[in-house]
Each structure stands twice: as C-alpha cells, then as structure tokens.
PDB file of all heavy atoms in Angstrom:
ATOM      1  N   SER A   1       0.903  -1.232   0.033  1.00  0.00           N
ATOM      2  CA  SER A   1      -0.067   0.016   0.013  1.00  0.00           C
ATOM      3  C   SER A   1       0.828   1.295  -0.048  1.00  0.00           C
ATOM      4  O   SER A   1       1.849   1.338   0.641  1.00  0.00           O
ATOM      5  CB  SER A   1      -0.901  -0.046   1.133  1.00  0.00           C
ATOM      6  OG  SER A   1      -1.681   1.172   1.209  1.00  0.00           O
ATOM      7  N   LYS A   2       0.425   2.286  -0.765  1.00  0.00           N
ATOM      8  CA  LYS A   2       1.014   3.548  -0.847  1.00  0.00           C
ATOM      9  C   LYS A   2       0.972   4.199   0.650  1.00  0.00           C
ATOM     10  O   LYS A   2      -0.013   4.050   1.313  1.00  0.00           O
ATOM     11  CB  LYS A   2       0.493   4.389  -1.879  1.00  0.00           C
ATOM     12  CG  LYS A   2       0.774   3.954  -3.315  1.00  0.00           C
ATOM     13  CD  LYS A   2       2.075   4.270  -3.690  1.00  0.00           C
ATOM     14  CE  LYS A   2       2.374   3.839  -5.134  1.00  0.00           C
ATOM     15  NZ  LYS A   2       3.699   4.251  -5.618  1.00  0.00           N
ATOM     16  N   ARG A   3       1.869   5.029   0.940  1.00  0.00           N
ATOM     17  CA  ARG A   3       1.969   5.815   2.289  1.00  0.00           C
ATOM     18  C   ARG A   3       1.978   7.191   1.969  1.00  0.00           C
ATOM     19  O   ARG A   3       2.781   7.703   1.371  1.00  0.00           O
ATOM     20  CB  ARG A   3       3.008   5.345   3.094  1.00  0.00           C
ATOM     21  CG  ARG A   3       3.281   3.827   3.243  1.00  0.00           C
ATOM     22  CD  ARG A   3       4.258   3.464   4.248  1.00  0.00           C
ATOM     23  NE  ARG A   3       3.719   3.553   5.606  1.00  0.00           N
ATOM     24  CZ  ARG A   3       4.429   3.453   6.570  1.00  0.00           C
ATOM     25  NH1 ARG A   3       5.868   3.279   6.527  1.00  0.00           N
ATOM     26  NH2 ARG A   3       4.018   3.549   7.866  1.00  0.00           N
ATOM     27  N   VAL A   4       0.878   7.941   2.543  1.00  0.00           N
ATOM     28  CA  VAL A   4       0.767   9.367   2.411  1.00  0.00           C
ATOM     29  C   VAL A   4       1.028  10.039   3.740  1.00  0.00           C
ATOM     30  O   VAL A   4       0.492   9.754   4.661  1.00  0.00           O
ATOM     31  CB  VAL A   4      -0.517   9.874   1.903  1.00  0.00           C
ATOM     32  CG1 VAL A   4      -0.624  11.392   1.685  1.00  0.00           C
ATOM     33  CG2 VAL A   4      -0.813   9.217   0.469  1.00  0.00           C
ATOM     34  N   LEU A   5       2.076  10.910   3.693  1.00  0.00           N
ATOM     35  CA  LEU A   5       2.334  11.688   4.975  1.00  0.00           C
ATOM     36  C   LEU A   5       1.705  13.107   4.947  1.00  0.00           C
ATOM     37  O   LEU A   5       1.811  13.965   3.962  1.00  0.00           O
ATOM     38  CB  LEU A   5       3.791  11.928   5.095  1.00  0.00           C
ATOM     39  CG  LEU A   5       4.320  12.795   6.376  1.00  0.00           C
ATOM     40  CD1 LEU A   5       3.956  11.919   7.574  1.00  0.00           C
ATOM     41  CD2 LEU A   5       5.801  13.087   6.305  1.00  0.00           C
ATOM     42  N   ILE A   6       0.744  13.269   5.872  1.00  0.00           N
ATOM     43  CA  ILE A   6       0.065  14.555   6.090  1.00  0.00           C
ATOM     44  C   ILE A   6       0.721  15.470   7.092  1.00  0.00           C
ATOM     45  O   ILE A   6       0.819  15.095   8.294  1.00  0.00           O
ATOM     46  CB  ILE A   6      -1.418  14.467   6.533  1.00  0.00           C
ATOM     47  CG1 ILE A   6      -2.142  13.481   5.354  1.00  0.00           C
ATOM     48  CG2 ILE A   6      -2.144  15.683   6.629  1.00  0.00           C
ATOM     49  CD1 ILE A   6      -3.451  12.993   5.931  1.00  0.00           C
ATOM     50  N   VAL A   7       1.287  16.573   6.657  1.00  0.00           N
ATOM     51  CA  VAL A   7       2.015  17.430   7.586  1.00  0.00           C
ATOM     52  C   VAL A   7       1.269  18.732   7.790  1.00  0.00           C
ATOM     53  O   VAL A   7       0.992  19.568   6.924  1.00  0.00           O
ATOM     54  CB  VAL A   7       3.420  17.909   6.883  1.00  0.00           C
ATOM     55  CG1 VAL A   7       4.211  18.611   7.945  1.00  0.00           C
ATOM     56  CG2 VAL A   7       4.205  16.593   6.612  1.00  0.00           C
ATOM     57  N   ASP A   8       0.883  18.936   9.140  1.00  0.00           N
ATOM     58  CA  ASP A   8       0.181  20.099   9.494  1.00  0.00           C
ATOM     59  C   ASP A   8       0.366  20.220  10.917  1.00  0.00           C
ATOM     60  O   ASP A   8       0.240  19.196  11.670  1.00  0.00           O
ATOM     61  CB  ASP A   8      -1.246  20.110   9.011  1.00  0.00           C
ATOM     62  CG  ASP A   8      -1.809  21.408   9.149  1.00  0.00           C
ATOM     63  OD1 ASP A   8      -1.909  22.213  10.168  1.00  0.00           O
ATOM     64  OD2 ASP A   8      -2.570  21.775   8.169  1.00  0.00           O
ATOM     65  N   ASP A   9       0.589  21.474  11.549  1.00  0.00           N
ATOM     66  CA  ASP A   9       0.637  21.639  12.997  1.00  0.00           C
ATOM     67  C   ASP A   9      -0.710  21.640  13.691  1.00  0.00           C
ATOM     68  O   ASP A   9      -0.707  21.601  14.894  1.00  0.00           O
ATOM     69  CB  ASP A   9       1.512  22.940  13.218  1.00  0.00           C
ATOM     70  CG  ASP A   9       2.985  22.900  12.943  1.00  0.00           C
ATOM     71  OD1 ASP A   9       3.452  21.653  12.864  1.00  0.00           O
ATOM     72  OD2 ASP A   9       3.512  23.840  12.637  1.00  0.00           O
ATOM     73  N   ASP A  10      -1.768  21.719  12.912  1.00  0.00           N
ATOM     74  CA  ASP A  10      -2.989  21.794  13.498  1.00  0.00           C
ATOM     75  C   ASP A  10      -3.569  20.425  13.433  1.00  0.00           C
ATOM     76  O   ASP A  10      -3.946  19.854  12.399  1.00  0.00           O
ATOM     77  CB  ASP A  10      -3.978  22.696  12.716  1.00  0.00           C
ATOM     78  CG  ASP A  10      -5.391  23.047  13.338  1.00  0.00           C
ATOM     79  OD1 ASP A  10      -5.782  22.138  13.972  1.00  0.00           O
ATOM     80  OD2 ASP A  10      -5.921  24.001  13.185  1.00  0.00           O
ATOM     81  N   ILE A  11      -3.782  19.742  14.640  1.00  0.00           N
ATOM     82  CA  ILE A  11      -4.243  18.451  14.816  1.00  0.00           C
ATOM     83  C   ILE A  11      -5.601  18.230  14.181  1.00  0.00           C
ATOM     84  O   ILE A  11      -6.104  17.237  13.511  1.00  0.00           O
ATOM     85  CB  ILE A  11      -4.215  17.789  16.230  1.00  0.00           C
ATOM     86  CG1 ILE A  11      -4.487  16.316  16.208  1.00  0.00           C
ATOM     87  CG2 ILE A  11      -5.195  18.552  17.095  1.00  0.00           C
ATOM     88  CD1 ILE A  11      -4.305  15.701  17.571  1.00  0.00           C
ATOM     89  N   ASN A  12      -6.486  19.293  14.366  1.00  0.00           N
ATOM     90  CA  ASN A  12      -7.785  19.103  13.740  1.00  0.00           C
ATOM     91  C   ASN A  12      -7.844  19.120  12.203  1.00  0.00           C
ATOM     92  O   ASN A  12      -8.610  18.343  11.600  1.00  0.00           O
ATOM     93  CB  ASN A  12      -8.679  20.404  14.239  1.00  0.00           C
ATOM     94  CG  ASN A  12      -8.935  20.370  15.734  1.00  0.00           C
ATOM     95  OD1 ASN A  12      -9.161  19.342  16.343  1.00  0.00           O
ATOM     96  ND2 ASN A  12      -8.851  21.539  16.434  1.00  0.00           N
ATOM     97  N   ARG A  13      -6.983  20.009  11.604  1.00  0.00           N
ATOM     98  CA  ARG A  13      -6.804  19.919  10.189  1.00  0.00           C
ATOM     99  C   ARG A  13      -6.324  18.538   9.705  1.00  0.00           C
ATOM    100  O   ARG A  13      -6.681  18.001   8.718  1.00  0.00           O
ATOM    101  CB  ARG A  13      -5.949  21.037   9.694  1.00  0.00           C
ATOM    102  CG  ARG A  13      -6.667  22.307   9.695  1.00  0.00           C
ATOM    103  CD  ARG A  13      -6.114  23.418   8.656  1.00  0.00           C
ATOM    104  NE  ARG A  13      -4.690  23.656   8.919  1.00  0.00           N
ATOM    105  CZ  ARG A  13      -4.202  24.788   9.311  1.00  0.00           C
ATOM    106  NH1 ARG A  13      -5.049  25.880   9.285  1.00  0.00           N
ATOM    107  NH2 ARG A  13      -2.871  24.964   9.334  1.00  0.00           N
ATOM    108  N   ARG A  14      -5.372  18.041  10.552  1.00  0.00           N
ATOM    109  CA  ARG A  14      -4.640  16.664  10.068  1.00  0.00           C
ATOM    110  C   ARG A  14      -5.953  15.594  10.044  1.00  0.00           C
ATOM    111  O   ARG A  14      -5.939  14.801   9.159  1.00  0.00           O
ATOM    112  CB  ARG A  14      -3.537  16.324  10.999  1.00  0.00           C
ATOM    113  CG  ARG A  14      -2.411  17.093  10.953  1.00  0.00           C
ATOM    114  CD  ARG A  14      -1.152  16.406  11.384  1.00  0.00           C
ATOM    115  NE  ARG A  14      -1.230  15.883  12.739  1.00  0.00           N
ATOM    116  CZ  ARG A  14      -0.874  16.484  13.896  1.00  0.00           C
ATOM    117  NH1 ARG A  14      -0.225  17.789  13.704  1.00  0.00           N
ATOM    118  NH2 ARG A  14      -0.942  16.117  15.105  1.00  0.00           N
ATOM    119  N   GLN A  15      -6.710  15.656  11.080  1.00  0.00           N
ATOM    120  CA  GLN A  15      -7.897  14.684  11.206  1.00  0.00           C
ATOM    121  C   GLN A  15      -8.854  14.879  10.049  1.00  0.00           C
ATOM    122  O   GLN A  15      -9.372  13.886   9.474  1.00  0.00           O
ATOM    123  CB  GLN A  15      -8.527  14.806  12.506  1.00  0.00           C
ATOM    124  CG  GLN A  15      -7.613  14.471  13.726  1.00  0.00           C
ATOM    125  CD  GLN A  15      -8.328  14.617  15.081  1.00  0.00           C
ATOM    126  OE1 GLN A  15      -9.268  15.437  15.089  1.00  0.00           O
ATOM    127  NE2 GLN A  15      -7.850  13.983  16.114  1.00  0.00           N
ATOM    128  N   LEU A  16      -9.060  16.170   9.662  1.00  0.00           N
ATOM    129  CA  LEU A  16      -9.891  16.485   8.567  1.00  0.00           C
ATOM    130  C   LEU A  16      -9.327  16.050   7.235  1.00  0.00           C
ATOM    131  O   LEU A  16     -10.091  15.338   6.460  1.00  0.00           O
ATOM    132  CB  LEU A  16     -10.231  17.994   8.437  1.00  0.00           C
ATOM    133  CG  LEU A  16     -11.109  18.519   7.376  1.00  0.00           C
ATOM    134  CD1 LEU A  16     -12.494  17.883   7.463  1.00  0.00           C
ATOM    135  CD2 LEU A  16     -11.207  20.061   7.222  1.00  0.00           C
ATOM    136  N   PHE A  17      -8.066  16.262   7.019  1.00  0.00           N
ATOM    137  CA  PHE A  17      -7.482  15.664   5.888  1.00  0.00           C
ATOM    138  C   PHE A  17      -7.637  14.088   5.778  1.00  0.00           C
ATOM    139  O   PHE A  17      -7.841  13.537   4.700  1.00  0.00           O
ATOM    140  CB  PHE A  17      -6.030  16.144   5.751  1.00  0.00           C
ATOM    141  CG  PHE A  17      -5.812  17.579   5.414  1.00  0.00           C
ATOM    142  CD1 PHE A  17      -4.712  18.255   6.049  1.00  0.00           C
ATOM    143  CD2 PHE A  17      -6.770  18.286   4.790  1.00  0.00           C
ATOM    144  CE1 PHE A  17      -4.567  19.565   5.839  1.00  0.00           C
ATOM    145  CE2 PHE A  17      -6.609  19.681   4.481  1.00  0.00           C
ATOM    146  CZ  PHE A  17      -5.471  20.290   5.019  1.00  0.00           C
ATOM    147  N   SER A  18      -7.433  13.517   7.006  1.00  0.00           N
ATOM    148  CA  SER A  18      -7.509  12.059   6.957  1.00  0.00           C
ATOM    149  C   SER A  18      -8.872  11.556   6.517  1.00  0.00           C
ATOM    150  O   SER A  18      -9.021  10.498   5.820  1.00  0.00           O
ATOM    151  CB  SER A  18      -7.180  11.530   8.342  1.00  0.00           C
ATOM    152  OG  SER A  18      -5.730  11.868   8.683  1.00  0.00           O
ATOM    153  N   LEU A  19      -9.905  12.322   6.917  1.00  0.00           N
ATOM    154  CA  LEU A  19     -11.189  12.042   6.654  1.00  0.00           C
ATOM    155  C   LEU A  19     -11.466  12.091   5.071  1.00  0.00           C
ATOM    156  O   LEU A  19     -12.184  11.295   4.424  1.00  0.00           O
ATOM    157  CB  LEU A  19     -12.362  12.740   7.436  1.00  0.00           C
ATOM    158  CG  LEU A  19     -12.429  12.423   8.884  1.00  0.00           C
ATOM    159  CD1 LEU A  19     -13.317  13.427   9.539  1.00  0.00           C
ATOM    160  CD2 LEU A  19     -12.991  11.057   9.115  1.00  0.00           C
ATOM    161  N   VAL A  20     -10.971  13.251   4.541  1.00  0.00           N
ATOM    162  CA  VAL A  20     -11.228  13.575   3.122  1.00  0.00           C
ATOM    163  C   VAL A  20     -10.477  12.563   2.312  1.00  0.00           C
ATOM    164  O   VAL A  20     -10.848  12.054   1.235  1.00  0.00           O
ATOM    165  CB  VAL A  20     -10.644  15.000   2.831  1.00  0.00           C
ATOM    166  CG1 VAL A  20     -10.470  15.225   1.403  1.00  0.00           C
ATOM    167  CG2 VAL A  20     -11.536  16.001   3.472  1.00  0.00           C
ATOM    168  N   LEU A  21      -9.267  12.066   2.754  1.00  0.00           N
ATOM    169  CA  LEU A  21      -8.439  11.058   1.917  1.00  0.00           C
ATOM    170  C   LEU A  21      -8.725   9.630   2.249  1.00  0.00           C
ATOM    171  O   LEU A  21      -8.061   8.806   1.787  1.00  0.00           O
ATOM    172  CB  LEU A  21      -6.981  11.397   2.302  1.00  0.00           C
ATOM    173  CG  LEU A  21      -6.551  12.670   2.061  1.00  0.00           C
ATOM    174  CD1 LEU A  21      -4.897  12.913   2.269  1.00  0.00           C
ATOM    175  CD2 LEU A  21      -6.732  13.255   0.532  1.00  0.00           C
ATOM    176  N   GLY A  22      -9.869   9.476   3.109  1.00  0.00           N
ATOM    177  CA  GLY A  22     -10.127   8.075   3.542  1.00  0.00           C
ATOM    178  C   GLY A  22     -10.494   7.077   2.342  1.00  0.00           C
ATOM    179  O   GLY A  22     -10.218   5.920   2.328  1.00  0.00           O
ATOM    180  N   ASP A  23     -10.800   7.664   1.073  1.00  0.00           N
ATOM    181  CA  ASP A  23     -11.202   6.916  -0.104  1.00  0.00           C
ATOM    182  C   ASP A  23      -9.944   6.537  -0.785  1.00  0.00           C
ATOM    183  O   ASP A  23     -10.094   5.798  -1.973  1.00  0.00           O
ATOM    184  CB  ASP A  23     -12.162   7.591  -0.872  1.00  0.00           C
ATOM    185  CG  ASP A  23     -13.628   7.646  -0.306  1.00  0.00           C
ATOM    186  OD1 ASP A  23     -13.765   6.910   0.626  1.00  0.00           O
ATOM    187  OD2 ASP A  23     -14.337   8.647  -0.666  1.00  0.00           O
ATOM    188  N   LEU A  24      -8.829   6.850  -0.472  1.00  0.00           N
ATOM    189  CA  LEU A  24      -7.616   6.690  -1.314  1.00  0.00           C
ATOM    190  C   LEU A  24      -7.057   5.262  -1.109  1.00  0.00           C
ATOM    191  O   LEU A  24      -6.321   4.780  -2.023  1.00  0.00           O
ATOM    192  CB  LEU A  24      -6.445   7.607  -0.883  1.00  0.00           C
ATOM    193  CG  LEU A  24      -6.451   8.944  -1.367  1.00  0.00           C
ATOM    194  CD1 LEU A  24      -5.308   9.741  -0.842  1.00  0.00           C
ATOM    195  CD2 LEU A  24      -6.303   8.924  -2.904  1.00  0.00           C
ATOM    196  N   GLN A  25      -7.652   4.542  -0.184  1.00  0.00           N
ATOM    197  CA  GLN A  25      -7.060   3.032   0.101  1.00  0.00           C
ATOM    198  C   GLN A  25      -5.615   3.080   0.154  1.00  0.00           C
ATOM    199  O   GLN A  25      -4.914   2.312  -0.512  1.00  0.00           O
ATOM    200  CB  GLN A  25      -7.552   2.196  -1.142  1.00  0.00           C
ATOM    201  CG  GLN A  25      -9.225   2.050  -1.140  1.00  0.00           C
ATOM    202  CD  GLN A  25      -9.699   1.172  -2.108  1.00  0.00           C
ATOM    203  OE1 GLN A  25      -9.011   0.886  -3.261  1.00  0.00           O
ATOM    204  NE2 GLN A  25     -10.810   0.653  -2.075  1.00  0.00           N
ATOM    205  N   CYS A  26      -5.038   3.914   1.035  1.00  0.00           N
ATOM    206  CA  CYS A  26      -3.595   3.897   1.316  1.00  0.00           C
ATOM    207  C   CYS A  26      -3.417   4.174   2.854  1.00  0.00           C
ATOM    208  O   CYS A  26      -4.272   4.314   3.571  1.00  0.00           O
ATOM    209  CB  CYS A  26      -2.959   4.912   0.443  1.00  0.00           C
ATOM    210  SG  CYS A  26      -3.376   6.653   0.936  1.00  0.00           S
ATOM    211  N   ASP A  27      -2.209   4.100   3.179  1.00  0.00           N
ATOM    212  CA  ASP A  27      -1.823   4.279   4.682  1.00  0.00           C
ATOM    213  C   ASP A  27      -1.614   5.776   4.726  1.00  0.00           C
ATOM    214  O   ASP A  27      -0.734   6.380   4.127  1.00  0.00           O
ATOM    215  CB  ASP A  27      -0.519   3.507   5.053  1.00  0.00           C
ATOM    216  CG  ASP A  27      -0.679   2.004   4.999  1.00  0.00           C
ATOM    217  OD1 ASP A  27      -1.902   1.567   5.160  1.00  0.00           O
ATOM    218  OD2 ASP A  27       0.299   1.263   4.873  1.00  0.00           O
ATOM    219  N   LEU A  28      -2.389   6.413   5.655  1.00  0.00           N
ATOM    220  CA  LEU A  28      -2.231   7.892   5.943  1.00  0.00           C
ATOM    221  C   LEU A  28      -1.459   8.043   7.334  1.00  0.00           C
ATOM    222  O   LEU A  28      -1.848   7.424   8.327  1.00  0.00           O
ATOM    223  CB  LEU A  28      -3.628   8.360   6.059  1.00  0.00           C
ATOM    224  CG  LEU A  28      -4.632   8.448   4.779  1.00  0.00           C
ATOM    225  CD1 LEU A  28      -5.948   8.820   5.174  1.00  0.00           C
ATOM    226  CD2 LEU A  28      -3.872   9.051   3.719  1.00  0.00           C
ATOM    227  N   ILE A  29      -0.403   8.822   7.259  1.00  0.00           N
ATOM    228  CA  ILE A  29       0.379   9.055   8.516  1.00  0.00           C
ATOM    229  C   ILE A  29       0.298  10.626   8.690  1.00  0.00           C
ATOM    230  O   ILE A  29       0.608  11.397   7.885  1.00  0.00           O
ATOM    231  CB  ILE A  29       1.870   8.708   8.221  1.00  0.00           C
ATOM    232  CG1 ILE A  29       1.866   7.150   7.793  1.00  0.00           C
ATOM    233  CG2 ILE A  29       2.729   8.847   9.433  1.00  0.00           C
ATOM    234  CD1 ILE A  29       3.201   6.597   7.245  1.00  0.00           C
ATOM    235  N   ASN A  30       0.065  10.951   9.981  1.00  0.00           N
ATOM    236  CA  ASN A  30      -0.116  12.308  10.317  1.00  0.00           C
ATOM    237  C   ASN A  30       1.222  12.728  11.027  1.00  0.00           C
ATOM    238  O   ASN A  30       1.790  11.954  11.801  1.00  0.00           O
ATOM    239  CB  ASN A  30      -1.332  12.473  11.277  1.00  0.00           C
ATOM    240  CG  ASN A  30      -2.576  12.303  10.489  1.00  0.00           C
ATOM    241  OD1 ASN A  30      -2.697  12.877   9.436  1.00  0.00           O
ATOM    242  ND2 ASN A  30      -3.562  11.883  11.294  1.00  0.00           N
ATOM    243  N   SER A  31       1.531  13.934  10.801  1.00  0.00           N
ATOM    244  CA  SER A  31       2.833  14.557  11.539  1.00  0.00           C
ATOM    245  C   SER A  31       2.787  16.062  11.592  1.00  0.00           C
ATOM    246  O   SER A  31       2.143  16.729  10.736  1.00  0.00           O
ATOM    247  CB  SER A  31       4.035  14.107  10.548  1.00  0.00           C
ATOM    248  OG  SER A  31       5.165  14.775  11.121  1.00  0.00           O
ATOM    249  N   ASP A  32       3.286  16.602  12.693  1.00  0.00           N
ATOM    250  CA  ASP A  32       3.480  17.995  12.806  1.00  0.00           C
ATOM    251  C   ASP A  32       4.823  18.415  12.111  1.00  0.00           C
ATOM    252  O   ASP A  32       5.608  17.483  11.712  1.00  0.00           O
ATOM    253  CB  ASP A  32       3.448  18.510  14.185  1.00  0.00           C
ATOM    254  CG  ASP A  32       4.637  17.862  15.137  1.00  0.00           C
ATOM    255  OD1 ASP A  32       5.568  17.251  14.554  1.00  0.00           O
ATOM    256  OD2 ASP A  32       4.383  17.900  16.328  1.00  0.00           O
ATOM    257  N   THR A  33       5.147  19.636  12.058  1.00  0.00           N
ATOM    258  CA  THR A  33       6.331  20.060  11.299  1.00  0.00           C
ATOM    259  C   THR A  33       7.656  19.512  11.968  1.00  0.00           C
ATOM    260  O   THR A  33       8.611  19.133  11.199  1.00  0.00           O
ATOM    261  CB  THR A  33       6.436  21.522  11.284  1.00  0.00           C
ATOM    262  OG1 THR A  33       5.053  22.131  11.023  1.00  0.00           O
ATOM    263  CG2 THR A  33       7.343  22.070  10.251  1.00  0.00           C
ATOM    264  N   ASP A  34       7.693  19.593  13.271  1.00  0.00           N
ATOM    265  CA  ASP A  34       9.035  19.236  13.941  1.00  0.00           C
ATOM    266  C   ASP A  34       9.397  17.773  13.688  1.00  0.00           C
ATOM    267  O   ASP A  34      10.499  17.430  13.628  1.00  0.00           O
ATOM    268  CB  ASP A  34       8.819  19.522  15.390  1.00  0.00           C
ATOM    269  CG  ASP A  34       8.650  20.923  15.801  1.00  0.00           C
ATOM    270  OD1 ASP A  34       9.289  21.795  15.024  1.00  0.00           O
ATOM    271  OD2 ASP A  34       8.020  21.160  16.829  1.00  0.00           O
ATOM    272  N   SER A  35       8.501  16.901  13.483  1.00  0.00           N
ATOM    273  CA  SER A  35       8.736  15.384  13.341  1.00  0.00           C
ATOM    274  C   SER A  35       8.631  15.018  11.922  1.00  0.00           C
ATOM    275  O   SER A  35       8.904  13.867  11.594  1.00  0.00           O
ATOM    276  CB  SER A  35       7.858  14.542  14.165  1.00  0.00           C
ATOM    277  OG  SER A  35       6.456  14.830  13.929  1.00  0.00           O
ATOM    278  N   ALA A  36       8.367  15.904  11.072  1.00  0.00           N
ATOM    279  CA  ALA A  36       8.109  15.458   9.506  1.00  0.00           C
ATOM    280  C   ALA A  36       9.377  14.786   9.001  1.00  0.00           C
ATOM    281  O   ALA A  36       9.361  13.947   8.333  1.00  0.00           O
ATOM    282  CB  ALA A  36       7.583  16.627   8.812  1.00  0.00           C
ATOM    283  N   LEU A  37      10.528  15.625   9.147  1.00  0.00           N
ATOM    284  CA  LEU A  37      11.755  15.118   8.468  1.00  0.00           C
ATOM    285  C   LEU A  37      12.160  13.960   9.059  1.00  0.00           C
ATOM    286  O   LEU A  37      12.736  13.034   8.325  1.00  0.00           O
ATOM    287  CB  LEU A  37      12.839  16.193   8.612  1.00  0.00           C
ATOM    288  CG  LEU A  37      12.699  17.395   7.719  1.00  0.00           C
ATOM    289  CD1 LEU A  37      13.841  18.495   8.015  1.00  0.00           C
ATOM    290  CD2 LEU A  37      12.686  16.984   6.318  1.00  0.00           C
ATOM    291  N   THR A  38      12.031  13.685  10.310  1.00  0.00           N
ATOM    292  CA  THR A  38      12.349  12.351  10.988  1.00  0.00           C
ATOM    293  C   THR A  38      11.444  11.186  10.421  1.00  0.00           C
ATOM    294  O   THR A  38      12.003  10.088  10.110  1.00  0.00           O
ATOM    295  CB  THR A  38      12.156  12.531  12.525  1.00  0.00           C
ATOM    296  OG1 THR A  38      12.860  13.551  13.001  1.00  0.00           O
ATOM    297  CG2 THR A  38      12.420  11.156  13.227  1.00  0.00           C
ATOM    298  N   ARG A  39      10.207  11.538  10.274  1.00  0.00           N
ATOM    299  CA  ARG A  39       9.359  10.538   9.583  1.00  0.00           C
ATOM    300  C   ARG A  39       9.848  10.199   8.259  1.00  0.00           C
ATOM    301  O   ARG A  39       9.814   9.021   7.866  1.00  0.00           O
ATOM    302  CB  ARG A  39       7.872  11.102   9.526  1.00  0.00           C
ATOM    303  CG  ARG A  39       7.135  11.166  10.764  1.00  0.00           C
ATOM    304  CD  ARG A  39       6.496   9.761  11.023  1.00  0.00           C
ATOM    305  NE  ARG A  39       5.478   9.774  12.050  1.00  0.00           N
ATOM    306  CZ  ARG A  39       4.701   8.771  12.337  1.00  0.00           C
ATOM    307  NH1 ARG A  39       5.011   7.642  11.749  1.00  0.00           N
ATOM    308  NH2 ARG A  39       3.854   8.865  13.308  1.00  0.00           N
ATOM    309  N   LEU A  40      10.156  11.245   7.445  1.00  0.00           N
ATOM    310  CA  LEU A  40      10.628  10.989   6.145  1.00  0.00           C
ATOM    311  C   LEU A  40      11.967  10.048   6.022  1.00  0.00           C
ATOM    312  O   LEU A  40      12.085   9.305   5.203  1.00  0.00           O
ATOM    313  CB  LEU A  40      10.872  12.241   5.414  1.00  0.00           C
ATOM    314  CG  LEU A  40       9.613  13.031   5.047  1.00  0.00           C
ATOM    315  CD1 LEU A  40       9.892  14.388   4.477  1.00  0.00           C
ATOM    316  CD2 LEU A  40       8.759  12.258   4.111  1.00  0.00           C
ATOM    317  N   HIS A  41      12.799  10.407   6.979  1.00  0.00           N
ATOM    318  CA  HIS A  41      14.066   9.572   6.952  1.00  0.00           C
ATOM    319  C   HIS A  41      13.867   8.143   7.484  1.00  0.00           C
ATOM    320  O   HIS A  41      14.786   7.242   7.096  1.00  0.00           O
ATOM    321  CB  HIS A  41      15.092  10.227   7.834  1.00  0.00           C
ATOM    322  CG  HIS A  41      15.727  11.445   7.146  1.00  0.00           C
ATOM    323  ND1 HIS A  41      16.679  11.413   6.088  1.00  0.00           N
ATOM    324  CD2 HIS A  41      15.559  12.860   7.362  1.00  0.00           C
ATOM    325  CE1 HIS A  41      16.970  12.523   5.737  1.00  0.00           C
ATOM    326  NE2 HIS A  41      16.477  13.516   6.547  1.00  0.00           N
ATOM    327  N   HIS A  42      12.854   7.836   8.342  1.00  0.00           N
ATOM    328  CA  HIS A  42      12.750   6.598   8.902  1.00  0.00           C
ATOM    329  C   HIS A  42      11.618   5.741   8.426  1.00  0.00           C
ATOM    330  O   HIS A  42      11.608   4.480   8.564  1.00  0.00           O
ATOM    331  CB  HIS A  42      12.565   6.810  10.425  1.00  0.00           C
ATOM    332  CG  HIS A  42      13.785   7.124  11.169  1.00  0.00           C
ATOM    333  ND1 HIS A  42      14.115   8.531  11.328  1.00  0.00           N
ATOM    334  CD2 HIS A  42      14.807   6.563  11.733  1.00  0.00           C
ATOM    335  CE1 HIS A  42      15.209   8.609  12.002  1.00  0.00           C
ATOM    336  NE2 HIS A  42      15.776   7.318  12.170  1.00  0.00           N
ATOM    337  N   ASP A  43      10.718   6.385   7.678  1.00  0.00           N
ATOM    338  CA  ASP A  43       9.466   5.558   7.121  1.00  0.00           C
ATOM    339  C   ASP A  43       9.516   5.699   5.520  1.00  0.00           C
ATOM    340  O   ASP A  43      10.090   6.675   5.044  1.00  0.00           O
ATOM    341  CB  ASP A  43       8.197   6.268   7.592  1.00  0.00           C
ATOM    342  CG  ASP A  43       7.964   6.116   9.098  1.00  0.00           C
ATOM    343  OD1 ASP A  43       8.616   5.301   9.684  1.00  0.00           O
ATOM    344  OD2 ASP A  43       7.227   6.858   9.631  1.00  0.00           O
ATOM    345  N   GLU A  44       9.066   4.732   4.855  1.00  0.00           N
ATOM    346  CA  GLU A  44       8.920   4.816   3.519  1.00  0.00           C
ATOM    347  C   GLU A  44       7.663   5.449   3.148  1.00  0.00           C
ATOM    348  O   GLU A  44       6.646   5.021   3.081  1.00  0.00           O
ATOM    349  CB  GLU A  44       8.982   3.355   2.909  1.00  0.00           C
ATOM    350  CG  GLU A  44      10.249   2.560   3.075  1.00  0.00           C
ATOM    351  CD  GLU A  44      10.258   1.222   2.498  1.00  0.00           C
ATOM    352  OE1 GLU A  44       9.231   0.904   1.742  1.00  0.00           O
ATOM    353  OE2 GLU A  44      11.229   0.440   2.786  1.00  0.00           O
ATOM    354  N   ILE A  45       7.863   6.859   2.704  1.00  0.00           N
ATOM    355  CA  ILE A  45       6.670   7.698   2.327  1.00  0.00           C
ATOM    356  C   ILE A  45       6.741   7.774   0.825  1.00  0.00           C
ATOM    357  O   ILE A  45       7.692   8.012   0.144  1.00  0.00           O
ATOM    358  CB  ILE A  45       6.910   8.974   3.071  1.00  0.00           C
ATOM    359  CG1 ILE A  45       6.953   8.941   4.567  1.00  0.00           C
ATOM    360  CG2 ILE A  45       5.685   9.918   2.587  1.00  0.00           C
ATOM    361  CD1 ILE A  45       5.722   8.250   5.150  1.00  0.00           C
TER     362      ILE A  45
END
C-alpha cells in the first residue's frame, strides 16, 4: 500500500485531511512540522 504523509501543525486539520483522503485506500500518516523530516528519513513515504 502507498503511504501518504500529512504534515500540519493543527491536529484538527490533520484529522480533517485524513477523513477527506479516506477513499484513497492507502496508509495515511499524520505529522507535525517538527517530526516530519524524522518521519521521512525513517519511514517509506
């Protein structure tokens, strides 16, 4: 499955994006700005 990283510092917007993208049939990963680069280096996005 494809993996999509959603980067936003607002947790409510991240949750909204997750709902909107629910039909993509992929793995959705939420992150704030501070941890985004760490996620990219350690996860296959």
